[in-house]
PDB file of N, CA and C in Angstrom:
ATOM      1  N   MET A   1       0.840  -1.178   0.000  1.00  0.00           N
ATOM      2  CA  MET A   1       0.000   0.000   0.000  1.00  0.00           C
ATOM      3  C   MET A   1       0.886   1.242   0.000  1.00  0.00           C
ATOM      4  N   SER A   2       0.656   2.114  -0.927  1.00  0.00           N
ATOM      5  CA  SER A   2       1.438   3.342  -1.072  1.00  0.00           C
ATOM      6  C   SER A   2       0.988   4.388  -0.062  1.00  0.00           C
ATOM      7  N   ASN A   3       1.923   5.241   0.321  1.00  0.00           N
ATOM      8  CA  ASN A   3       1.572   6.402   1.129  1.00  0.00           C
ATOM      9  C   ASN A   3       0.994   7.465   0.214  1.00  0.00           C
ATOM     10  N   VAL A   4       0.023   8.219   0.712  1.00  0.00           N
ATOM     11  CA  VAL A   4      -0.592   9.294  -0.052  1.00  0.00           C
ATOM     12  C   VAL A   4      -0.327  10.601   0.684  1.00  0.00           C
ATOM     13  N   ILE A   5       0.291  11.547  -0.012  1.00  0.00           N
ATOM     14  CA  ILE A   5       0.548  12.871   0.548  1.00  0.00           C
ATOM     15  C   ILE A   5      -0.277  13.864  -0.265  1.00  0.00           C
ATOM     16  N   VAL A   6      -1.149  14.594   0.421  1.00  0.00           N
ATOM     17  CA  VAL A   6      -2.049  15.531  -0.240  1.00  0.00           C
ATOM     18  C   VAL A   6      -1.534  16.945  -0.008  1.00  0.00           C
ATOM     19  N   HIS A   7      -1.352  17.684  -1.083  1.00  0.00           N
ATOM     20  CA  HIS A   7      -0.886  19.069  -1.009  1.00  0.00           C
ATOM     21  C   HIS A   7      -1.909  19.919  -0.249  1.00  0.00           C
ATOM     22  N   ARG A   8      -1.445  20.960   0.374  1.00  0.00           N
ATOM     23  CA  ARG A   8      -2.291  21.820   1.204  1.00  0.00           C
ATOM     24  C   ARG A   8      -3.480  22.384   0.430  1.00  0.00           C
ATOM     25  N   ARG A   9      -3.267  22.852  -0.800  1.00  0.00           N
ATOM     26  CA  ARG A   9      -4.378  23.437  -1.558  1.00  0.00           C
ATOM     27  C   ARG A   9      -5.413  22.374  -1.933  1.00  0.00           C
ATOM     28  N   ALA A  10      -4.946  21.157  -2.224  1.00  0.00           N
ATOM     29  CA  ALA A  10      -5.872  20.064  -2.551  1.00  0.00           C
ATOM     30  C   ALA A  10      -6.661  19.662  -1.314  1.00  0.00           C
ATOM     31  N   LEU A  11      -6.008  19.630  -0.175  1.00  0.00           N
ATOM     32  CA  LEU A  11      -6.681  19.279   1.071  1.00  0.00           C
ATOM     33  C   LEU A  11      -7.724  20.332   1.434  1.00  0.00           C
ATOM     34  N   ARG A  12      -7.397  21.599   1.239  1.00  0.00           N
ATOM     35  CA  ARG A  12      -8.328  22.682   1.523  1.00  0.00           C
ATOM     36  C   ARG A  12      -9.562  22.563   0.631  1.00  0.00           C
ATOM     37  N   TYR A  13      -9.365  22.247  -0.651  1.00  0.00           N
ATOM     38  CA  TYR A  13     -10.501  22.077  -1.560  1.00  0.00           C
ATOM     39  C   TYR A  13     -11.342  20.879  -1.133  1.00  0.00           C
ATOM     40  N   LEU A  14     -10.683  19.800  -0.759  1.00  0.00           N
ATOM     41  CA  LEU A  14     -11.382  18.589  -0.335  1.00  0.00           C
ATOM     42  C   LEU A  14     -12.233  18.861   0.908  1.00  0.00           C
ATOM     43  N   GLN A  15     -11.721  19.627   1.833  1.00  0.00           N
ATOM     44  CA  GLN A  15     -12.460  19.923   3.066  1.00  0.00           C
ATOM     45  C   GLN A  15     -13.685  20.801   2.814  1.00  0.00           C
ATOM     46  N   ARG A  16     -13.691  21.564   1.742  1.00  0.00           N
ATOM     47  CA  ARG A  16     -14.827  22.430   1.417  1.00  0.00           C
ATOM     48  C   ARG A  16     -15.939  21.699   0.672  1.00  0.00           C
ATOM     49  N   LEU A  17     -15.661  20.500   0.185  1.00  0.00           N
ATOM     50  CA  LEU A  17     -16.667  19.738  -0.545  1.00  0.00           C
ATOM     51  C   LEU A  17     -17.757  19.248   0.403  1.00  0.00           C
ATOM     52  N   PRO A  18     -18.971  19.012  -0.134  1.00  0.00           N
ATOM     53  CA  PRO A  18     -20.010  18.376   0.687  1.00  0.00           C
ATOM     54  C   PRO A  18     -19.553  16.989   1.144  1.00  0.00           C
ATOM     55  N   ARG A  19     -20.029  16.565   2.286  1.00  0.00           N
ATOM     56  CA  ARG A  19     -19.586  15.308   2.905  1.00  0.00           C
ATOM     57  C   ARG A  19     -19.657  14.097   1.956  1.00  0.00           C
ATOM     58  N   PRO A  20     -20.743  13.896   1.185  1.00  0.00           N
ATOM     59  CA  PRO A  20     -20.759  12.719   0.293  1.00  0.00           C
ATOM     60  C   PRO A  20     -19.639  12.737  -0.744  1.00  0.00           C
ATOM     61  N   GLU A  21     -19.340  13.923  -1.288  1.00  0.00           N
ATOM     62  CA  GLU A  21     -18.257  14.012  -2.267  1.00  0.00           C
ATOM     63  C   GLU A  21     -16.902  13.803  -1.612  1.00  0.00           C
ATOM     64  N   GLN A  22     -16.741  14.277  -0.383  1.00  0.00           N
ATOM     65  CA  GLN A  22     -15.501  14.030   0.356  1.00  0.00           C
ATOM     66  C   GLN A  22     -15.264  12.538   0.495  1.00  0.00           C
ATOM     67  N   LYS A  23     -16.317  11.815   0.850  1.00  0.00           N
ATOM     68  CA  LYS A  23     -16.205  10.359   1.030  1.00  0.00           C
ATOM     69  C   LYS A  23     -15.837   9.680  -0.288  1.00  0.00           C
ATOM     70  N   ARG A  24     -16.428  10.132  -1.409  1.00  0.00           N
ATOM     71  CA  ARG A  24     -16.108   9.536  -2.709  1.00  0.00           C
ATOM     72  C   ARG A  24     -14.637   9.740  -3.057  1.00  0.00           C
ATOM     73  N   VAL A  25     -14.123  10.949  -2.809  1.00  0.00           N
ATOM     74  CA  VAL A  25     -12.717  11.236  -3.111  1.00  0.00           C
ATOM     75  C   VAL A  25     -11.811  10.431  -2.186  1.00  0.00           C
ATOM     76  N   GLN A  26     -12.144  10.376  -0.902  1.00  0.00           N
ATOM     77  CA  GLN A  26     -11.328   9.620   0.050  1.00  0.00           C
ATOM     78  C   GLN A  26     -11.302   8.135  -0.302  1.00  0.00           C
ATOM     79  N   THR A  27     -12.445   7.598  -0.699  1.00  0.00           N
ATOM     80  CA  THR A  27     -12.510   6.195  -1.105  1.00  0.00           C
ATOM     81  C   THR A  27     -11.649   5.953  -2.344  1.00  0.00           C
ATOM     82  N   ALA A  28     -11.719   6.863  -3.308  1.00  0.00           N
ATOM     83  CA  ALA A  28     -10.914   6.732  -4.528  1.00  0.00           C
ATOM     84  C   ALA A  28      -9.425   6.798  -4.205  1.00  0.00           C
ATOM     85  N   LEU A  29      -9.031   7.677  -3.284  1.00  0.00           N
ATOM     86  CA  LEU A  29      -7.618   7.771  -2.894  1.00  0.00           C
ATOM     87  C   LEU A  29      -7.151   6.518  -2.170  1.00  0.00           C
ATOM     88  N   MET A  30      -8.027   5.912  -1.383  1.00  0.00           N
ATOM     89  CA  MET A  30      -7.671   4.651  -0.716  1.00  0.00           C
ATOM     90  C   MET A  30      -7.465   3.538  -1.742  1.00  0.00           C
ATOM     91  N   ARG A  31      -8.367   3.457  -2.730  1.00  0.00           N
ATOM     92  CA  ARG A  31      -8.203   2.449  -3.783  1.00  0.00           C
ATOM     93  C   ARG A  31      -6.951   2.722  -4.600  1.00  0.00           C
ATOM     94  N   LEU A  32      -6.664   3.990  -4.830  1.00  0.00           N
ATOM     95  CA  LEU A  32      -5.466   4.371  -5.566  1.00  0.00           C
ATOM     96  C   LEU A  32      -4.210   3.955  -4.814  1.00  0.00           C
ATOM     97  N   SER A  33      -4.218   4.096  -3.507  1.00  0.00           N
ATOM     98  CA  SER A  33      -3.043   3.743  -2.710  1.00  0.00           C
ATOM     99  C   SER A  33      -2.787   2.237  -2.709  1.00  0.00           C
ATOM    100  N   GLU A  34      -3.825   1.447  -2.918  1.00  0.00           N
ATOM    101  CA  GLU A  34      -3.659  -0.008  -2.947  1.00  0.00           C
ATOM    102  C   GLU A  34      -2.930  -0.469  -4.199  1.00  0.00           C
ATOM    103  N   ASP A  35      -3.229   0.149  -5.336  1.00  0.00           N
ATOM    104  CA  ASP A  35      -2.563  -0.210  -6.582  1.00  0.00           C
ATOM    105  C   ASP A  35      -2.592   0.965  -7.548  1.00  0.00           C
ATOM    106  N   PRO A  36      -1.608   1.862  -7.449  1.00  0.00           N
ATOM    107  CA  PRO A  36      -1.644   3.094  -8.239  1.00  0.00           C
ATOM    108  C   PRO A  36      -1.476   2.916  -9.747  1.00  0.00           C
ATOM    109  N   ASP A  37      -0.991   1.796 -10.204  1.00  0.00           N
ATOM    110  CA  ASP A  37      -0.759   1.619 -11.637  1.00  0.00           C
ATOM    111  C   ASP A  37      -1.976   1.103 -12.392  1.00  0.00           C
ATOM    112  N   THR A  38      -2.902   0.447 -11.707  1.00  0.00           N
ATOM    113  CA  THR A  38      -4.039  -0.153 -12.408  1.00  0.00           C
ATOM    114  C   THR A  38      -5.380   0.374 -11.913  1.00  0.00           C
ATOM    115  N   HIS A  39      -5.407   1.555 -11.353  1.00  0.00           N
ATOM    116  CA  HIS A  39      -6.669   2.140 -10.901  1.00  0.00           C
ATOM    117  C   HIS A  39      -7.568   2.359 -12.113  1.00  0.00           C
ATOM    118  N   PRO A  40      -8.863   2.006 -12.025  1.00  0.00           N
ATOM    119  CA  PRO A  40      -9.742   2.214 -13.180  1.00  0.00           C
ATOM    120  C   PRO A  40      -9.859   3.692 -13.526  1.00  0.00           C
ATOM    121  N   GLY A  41      -9.722   4.006 -14.783  1.00  0.00           N
ATOM    122  CA  GLY A  41      -9.838   5.379 -15.241  1.00  0.00           C
ATOM    123  C   GLY A  41      -8.565   6.192 -15.125  1.00  0.00           C
ATOM    124  N   LEU A  42      -7.465   5.559 -14.787  1.00  0.00           N
ATOM    125  CA  LEU A  42      -6.191   6.252 -14.662  1.00  0.00           C
ATOM    126  C   LEU A  42      -5.706   6.704 -16.032  1.00  0.00           C
ATOM    127  N   VAL A  43      -5.304   7.982 -16.124  1.00  0.00           N
ATOM    128  CA  VAL A  43      -4.813   8.531 -17.390  1.00  0.00           C
ATOM    129  C   VAL A  43      -3.456   9.172 -17.146  1.00  0.00           C
ATOM    130  N   HIS A  44      -2.474   8.804 -17.966  1.00  0.00           N
ATOM    131  CA  HIS A  44      -1.171   9.459 -17.921  1.00  0.00           C
ATOM    132  C   HIS A  44      -1.302  10.752 -18.725  1.00  0.00           C
ATOM    133  N   MET A  45      -0.901  11.848 -18.128  1.00  0.00           N
ATOM    134  CA  MET A  45      -1.102  13.148 -18.761  1.00  0.00           C
ATOM    135  C   MET A  45       0.068  13.501 -19.669  1.00  0.00           C
ATOM    136  N   ALA A  46      -0.170  14.425 -20.576  1.00  0.00           N
ATOM    137  CA  ALA A  46       0.843  14.829 -21.554  1.00  0.00           C
ATOM    138  C   ALA A  46       0.992  16.349 -21.546  1.00  0.00           C
ATOM    139  N   GLY A  47       1.886  16.835 -22.372  1.00  0.00           N
ATOM    140  CA  GLY A  47       2.102  18.267 -22.485  1.00  0.00           C
ATOM    141  C   GLY A  47       2.806  18.821 -21.264  1.00  0.00           C
ATOM    142  N   GLU A  48       2.310  19.936 -20.750  1.00  0.00           N
ATOM    143  CA  GLU A  48       2.940  20.536 -19.571  1.00  0.00           C
ATOM    144  C   GLU A  48       2.729  19.697 -18.312  1.00  0.00           C
ATOM    145  N   TRP A  49       1.816  18.728 -18.371  1.00  0.00           N
ATOM    146  CA  TRP A  49       1.540  17.849 -17.238  1.00  0.00           C
ATOM    147  C   TRP A  49       2.266  16.503 -17.368  1.00  0.00           C
ATOM    148  N   THR A  50       3.241  16.401 -18.220  1.00  0.00           N
ATOM    149  CA  THR A  50       3.964  15.142 -18.407  1.00  0.00           C
ATOM    150  C   THR A  50       4.526  14.666 -17.077  1.00  0.00           C
ATOM    151  N   GLY A  51       4.338  13.386 -16.808  1.00  0.00           N
ATOM    152  CA  GLY A  51       4.800  12.800 -15.557  1.00  0.00           C
ATOM    153  C   GLY A  51       3.697  12.677 -14.522  1.00  0.00           C
ATOM    154  N   TYR A  52       2.619  13.446 -14.707  1.00  0.00           N
ATOM    155  CA  TYR A  52       1.488  13.384 -13.796  1.00  0.00           C
ATOM    156  C   TYR A  52       0.466  12.385 -14.308  1.00  0.00           C
ATOM    157  N   ARG A  53      -0.405  11.987 -13.410  1.00  0.00           N
ATOM    158  CA  ARG A  53      -1.510  11.099 -13.756  1.00  0.00           C
ATOM    159  C   ARG A  53      -2.778  11.718 -13.193  1.00  0.00           C
ATOM    160  N   ARG A  54      -3.917  11.278 -13.716  1.00  0.00           N
ATOM    161  CA  ARG A  54      -5.173  11.787 -13.177  1.00  0.00           C
ATOM    162  C   ARG A  54      -6.200  10.681 -13.112  1.00  0.00           C
ATOM    163  N   ILE A  55      -7.114  10.870 -12.177  1.00  0.00           N
ATOM    164  CA  ILE A  55      -8.273   9.992 -12.101  1.00  0.00           C
ATOM    165  C   ILE A  55      -9.512  10.885 -12.078  1.00  0.00           C
ATOM    166  N   ARG A  56     -10.586  10.328 -12.545  1.00  0.00           N
ATOM    167  CA  ARG A  56     -11.855  11.041 -12.618  1.00  0.00           C
ATOM    168  C   ARG A  56     -12.771  10.489 -11.537  1.00  0.00           C
ATOM    169  N   ILE A  57     -13.385  11.400 -10.780  1.00  0.00           N
ATOM    170  CA  ILE A  57     -14.354  11.025  -9.751  1.00  0.00           C
ATOM    171  C   ILE A  57     -15.576  11.900  -9.990  1.00  0.00           C
ATOM    172  N   GLY A  58     -16.487  11.428 -10.822  1.00  0.00           N
ATOM    173  CA  GLY A  58     -17.639  12.241 -11.201  1.00  0.00           C
ATOM    174  C   GLY A  58     -17.178  13.452 -11.991  1.00  0.00           C
ATOM    175  N   ASN A  59     -17.516  14.641 -11.510  1.00  0.00           N
ATOM    176  CA  ASN A  59     -17.117  15.877 -12.172  1.00  0.00           C
ATOM    177  C   ASN A  59     -15.750  16.364 -11.675  1.00  0.00           C
ATOM    178  N   LEU A  60     -15.201  15.709 -10.683  1.00  0.00           N
ATOM    179  CA  LEU A  60     -13.920  16.116 -10.107  1.00  0.00           C
ATOM    180  C   LEU A  60     -12.761  15.362 -10.756  1.00  0.00           C
ATOM    181  N   ARG A  61     -11.599  16.002 -10.726  1.00  0.00           N
ATOM    182  CA  ARG A  61     -10.370  15.370 -11.195  1.00  0.00           C
ATOM    183  C   ARG A  61      -9.347  15.438 -10.083  1.00  0.00           C
ATOM    184  N   VAL A  62      -8.596  14.368  -9.934  1.00  0.00           N
ATOM    185  CA  VAL A  62      -7.491  14.318  -8.977  1.00  0.00           C
ATOM    186  C   VAL A  62      -6.218  14.144  -9.788  1.00  0.00           C
ATOM    187  N   ILE A  63      -5.323  15.130  -9.700  1.00  0.00           N
ATOM    188  CA  ILE A  63      -4.057  15.083 -10.425  1.00  0.00           C
ATOM    189  C   ILE A  63      -2.963  14.772  -9.424  1.00  0.00           C
ATOM    190  N   PHE A  64      -2.184  13.742  -9.737  1.00  0.00           N
ATOM    191  CA  PHE A  64      -1.162  13.295  -8.791  1.00  0.00           C
ATOM    192  C   PHE A  64       0.083  12.850  -9.523  1.00  0.00           C
ATOM    193  N   TRP A  65       1.130  12.719  -8.768  1.00  0.00           N
ATOM    194  CA  TRP A  65       2.397  12.217  -9.264  1.00  0.00           C
ATOM    195  C   TRP A  65       2.770  11.028  -8.407  1.00  0.00           C
ATOM    196  N   TYR A  66       3.173   9.915  -9.030  1.00  0.00           N
ATOM    197  CA  TYR A  66       3.501   8.694  -8.302  1.00  0.00           C
ATOM    198  C   TYR A  66       5.001   8.448  -8.365  1.00  0.00           C
ATOM    199  N   ASP A  67       5.635   8.452  -7.202  1.00  0.00           N
ATOM    200  CA  ASP A  67       7.063   8.154  -7.087  1.00  0.00           C
ATOM    201  C   ASP A  67       7.197   6.652  -6.860  1.00  0.00           C
ATOM    202  N   GLU A  68       7.540   5.928  -7.917  1.00  0.00           N
ATOM    203  CA  GLU A  68       7.587   4.475  -7.848  1.00  0.00           C
ATOM    204  C   GLU A  68       8.704   3.961  -6.946  1.00  0.00           C
ATOM    205  N   GLN A  69       9.824   4.674  -6.893  1.00  0.00           N
ATOM    206  CA  GLN A  69      10.946   4.228  -6.071  1.00  0.00           C
ATOM    207  C   GLN A  69      10.626   4.330  -4.589  1.00  0.00           C
ATOM    208  N   GLU A  70       9.989   5.418  -4.183  1.00  0.00           N
ATOM    209  CA  GLU A  70       9.644   5.620  -2.773  1.00  0.00           C
ATOM    210  C   GLU A  70       8.259   5.074  -2.436  1.00  0.00           C
ATOM    211  N   ASP A  71       7.472   4.708  -3.451  1.00  0.00           N
ATOM    212  CA  ASP A  71       6.106   4.217  -3.296  1.00  0.00           C
ATOM    213  C   ASP A  71       5.229   5.251  -2.582  1.00  0.00           C
ATOM    214  N   ILE A  72       5.291   6.490  -3.075  1.00  0.00           N
ATOM    215  CA  ILE A  72       4.515   7.590  -2.506  1.00  0.00           C
ATOM    216  C   ILE A  72       3.702   8.248  -3.619  1.00  0.00           C
ATOM    217  N   ILE A  73       2.447   8.547  -3.317  1.00  0.00           N
ATOM    218  CA  ILE A  73       1.565   9.258  -4.236  1.00  0.00           C
ATOM    219  C   ILE A  73       1.434  10.686  -3.725  1.00  0.00           C
ATOM    220  N   TYR A  74       1.806  11.646  -4.575  1.00  0.00           N
ATOM    221  CA  TYR A  74       1.692  13.061  -4.232  1.00  0.00           C
ATOM    222  C   TYR A  74       0.479  13.639  -4.953  1.00  0.00           C
ATOM    223  N   VAL A  75      -0.574  13.963  -4.221  1.00  0.00           N
ATOM    224  CA  VAL A  75      -1.772  14.554  -4.806  1.00  0.00           C
ATOM    225  C   VAL A  75      -1.566  16.063  -4.840  1.00  0.00           C
ATOM    226  N   ASP A  76      -1.462  16.622  -6.038  1.00  0.00           N
ATOM    227  CA  ASP A  76      -1.198  18.050  -6.189  1.00  0.00           C
ATOM    228  C   ASP A  76      -2.468  18.880  -6.355  1.00  0.00           C
ATOM    229  N   HIS A  77      -3.452  18.365  -7.084  1.00  0.00           N
ATOM    230  CA  HIS A  77      -4.659  19.151  -7.366  1.00  0.00           C
ATOM    231  C   HIS A  77      -5.894  18.273  -7.262  1.00  0.00           C
ATOM    232  N   ILE A  78      -6.935  18.844  -6.682  1.00  0.00           N
ATOM    233  CA  ILE A  78      -8.273  18.258  -6.711  1.00  0.00           C
ATOM    234  C   ILE A  78      -9.193  19.398  -7.104  1.00  0.00           C
ATOM    235  N   GLY A  79     -10.021  19.169  -8.111  1.00  0.00           N
ATOM    236  CA  GLY A  79     -10.917  20.241  -8.529  1.00  0.00           C
ATOM    237  C   GLY A  79     -11.873  19.802  -9.606  1.00  0.00           C
ATOM    238  N   PRO A  80     -12.777  20.710  -9.973  1.00  0.00           N
ATOM    239  CA  PRO A  80     -13.742  20.395 -11.027  1.00  0.00           C
ATOM    240  C   PRO A  80     -13.068  20.316 -12.394  1.00  0.00           C
ATOM    241  N   ARG A  81     -13.661  19.574 -13.276  1.00  0.00           N
ATOM    242  CA  ARG A  81     -13.099  19.290 -14.582  1.00  0.00           C
ATOM    243  C   ARG A  81     -12.690  20.543 -15.339  1.00  0.00           C
ATOM    244  N   GLY A  82     -13.505  21.577 -15.366  1.00  0.00           N
ATOM    245  CA  GLY A  82     -13.211  22.754 -16.168  1.00  0.00           C
ATOM    246  C   GLY A  82     -12.110  23.636 -15.629  1.00  0.00           C
ATOM    247  N   ASP A  83     -11.883  23.618 -14.323  1.00  0.00           N
ATOM    248  CA  ASP A  83     -10.936  24.542 -13.705  1.00  0.00           C
ATOM    249  C   ASP A  83      -9.587  23.918 -13.358  1.00  0.00           C
ATOM    250  N   ILE A  84      -9.505  22.641 -13.309  1.00  0.00           N
ATOM    251  CA  ILE A  84      -8.311  21.973 -12.785  1.00  0.00           C
ATOM    252  C   ILE A  84      -7.086  22.162 -13.668  1.00  0.00           C
ATOM    253  N   TYR A  85      -7.277  22.324 -14.964  1.00  0.00           N
ATOM    254  CA  TYR A  85      -6.139  22.384 -15.879  1.00  0.00           C
ATOM    255  C   TYR A  85      -5.631  23.804 -16.138  1.00  0.00           C
ATOM    256  N   LYS A  86      -6.220  24.795 -15.506  1.00  0.00           N
ATOM    257  CA  LYS A  86      -5.816  26.192 -15.723  1.00  0.00           C
ATOM    258  C   LYS A  86      -4.659  26.579 -14.849  1.00  0.00           C
TER     259      LYS A  86
END
């Protein structure tokens, strides 16, 4: 099981979400920590986001970077689909 480190801005956004959505994101992060390479819906990003990965949770996106050597998942951004890539 990988460690998950959530950036301060992502954590702040997560705490502002309604409780049911918080639970959905937390559940997705737990599943991600169990096996970060084969999570359903995992997309390797390109362009300026090269090296990052994302998962979709309804209308939300979680953008993270996985350090395979240290087995740590760094969650950098959590946000709605339209705003997350700006």
